[in-house]
Protein backbone atom coordinates (compact mmCIF):
# COMPACT_ATOMS: atom_id res chain seq x y z
CA MET A 1 -3.10 -12.18 11.42
CA ALA A 2 -0.98 -14.67 9.57
CA GLU A 3 -0.18 -16.09 12.32
CA MET A 4 -4.19 -16.90 13.04
CA GLY A 5 -4.00 -18.45 9.65
CA CYS A 6 -5.49 -15.80 7.73
CA VAL A 7 -3.29 -14.20 5.48
CA PRO A 8 -4.14 -10.64 4.25
CA ASP A 9 -4.87 -9.84 0.59
CA GLY A 10 -5.12 -7.12 -1.29
CA VAL A 11 -8.45 -5.77 0.10
CA THR A 12 -7.28 -6.65 3.13
CA TYR A 13 -3.63 -4.15 2.67
CA ASN A 14 -6.35 -1.97 1.21
CA VAL A 15 -8.59 -1.35 4.07
CA LEU A 16 -6.07 -0.98 6.56
CA LEU A 17 -3.76 1.61 4.59
CA GLN A 18 -6.77 3.82 3.82
CA GLY A 19 -7.49 4.72 7.65
CA LEU A 20 -3.90 4.85 7.91
CA LEU A 21 -3.56 7.63 5.46
CA ASN A 22 -6.48 9.28 6.64
CA ASN A 23 -5.42 9.33 10.40
CA ARG A 24 -1.86 10.49 8.68
CA GLN A 25 -0.06 7.71 10.66
CA HIS A 26 3.17 7.62 8.67
CA ASP A 27 4.93 5.40 10.67
CA MET A 28 2.41 2.44 9.99
CA ILE A 29 1.66 3.36 6.18
CA LYS A 30 5.67 2.66 6.05
CA MET A 31 5.18 -0.90 8.05
CA LEU A 32 1.83 -1.65 6.17
CA LEU A 33 4.53 -1.34 2.93
CA GLU A 34 7.09 -2.74 3.69
CA ASP A 35 4.72 -5.41 4.81
CA MET A 36 3.36 -5.28 1.70
CA GLU A 37 6.62 -5.11 -0.29
CA GLY A 38 7.86 -8.36 2.37
CA HIS A 39 5.04 -10.18 0.71
CA GLY A 40 5.31 -9.42 -2.96
CA PHE A 41 2.28 -7.07 -3.28
CA LEU A 42 2.34 -4.61 -5.94
CA VAL A 43 -0.69 -1.76 -5.60
CA ASP A 44 -3.80 -2.25 -7.42
CA ALA A 45 -5.32 0.81 -9.32
CA SER A 46 -7.55 1.17 -6.16
CA THR A 47 -4.36 1.16 -3.86
CA LEU A 48 -2.80 3.67 -6.20
CA SER A 49 -5.88 5.92 -6.76
CA MET A 50 -5.54 6.20 -2.72
CA LEU A 51 -1.97 7.16 -2.97
CA ILE A 52 -1.71 9.54 -5.75
CA ASP A 53 -5.11 11.30 -3.90
CA HIS A 54 -2.67 11.61 -0.79
CA ILE A 55 0.41 12.70 -2.65
CA SER A 56 -1.31 15.26 -4.60
CA THR A 57 -2.32 17.13 -1.64
CA GLY A 58 0.64 17.29 0.03
CA SER A 59 -0.63 14.83 3.35
CA LEU A 60 2.43 12.10 2.49
CA ASP A 61 5.76 12.32 3.75
CA ASP A 62 8.46 12.25 1.16
CA SER A 63 10.23 9.15 2.45
CA LEU A 64 7.29 7.19 1.62
CA LEU A 65 7.61 7.84 -2.07
CA LYS A 66 10.54 6.03 -2.92
CA LEU A 67 8.61 2.97 -1.03
CA ILE A 68 5.76 3.51 -2.89
CA GLY A 69 7.64 3.47 -5.68
CA LYS A 70 8.93 -0.01 -5.34
CA LEU A 71 5.22 -0.89 -5.22
CA VAL A 72 4.02 0.02 -8.40
CA PRO A 73 3.43 -2.23 -10.89
CA LYS A 74 6.18 -2.14 -13.98
CA GLU A 75 6.17 -2.95 -17.01
CA GLY A 76 5.09 -6.15 -18.42
CA LYS A 77 4.25 -6.91 -14.88
CA GLU A 78 1.03 -6.47 -13.83
CA ALA A 79 -0.70 -6.46 -10.10
CA PRO A 80 -2.44 -9.04 -8.56
CA CYS A 81 -6.18 -9.30 -8.75
CA SER A 82 -7.33 -8.07 -5.15
CA TYR A 83 -10.39 -10.07 -5.21
């Protein structure tokens, strides 16, 4: 995508993440979260809600929890607007 000049934004990441979560593609979820981290994205409220839903049902691989923690905004640091 980025090679074609279309840089992903928060909405793009959320759509991709939702599809991967629904299909339990843990390896792809990990790659996507690492890509988000590499581009400096923090999760917004809708992303966090999706992740919490899957964490609470136990459908997320434990190895992803640490990576998700890196993407959650820390105190005093807001997530960028997705729109």
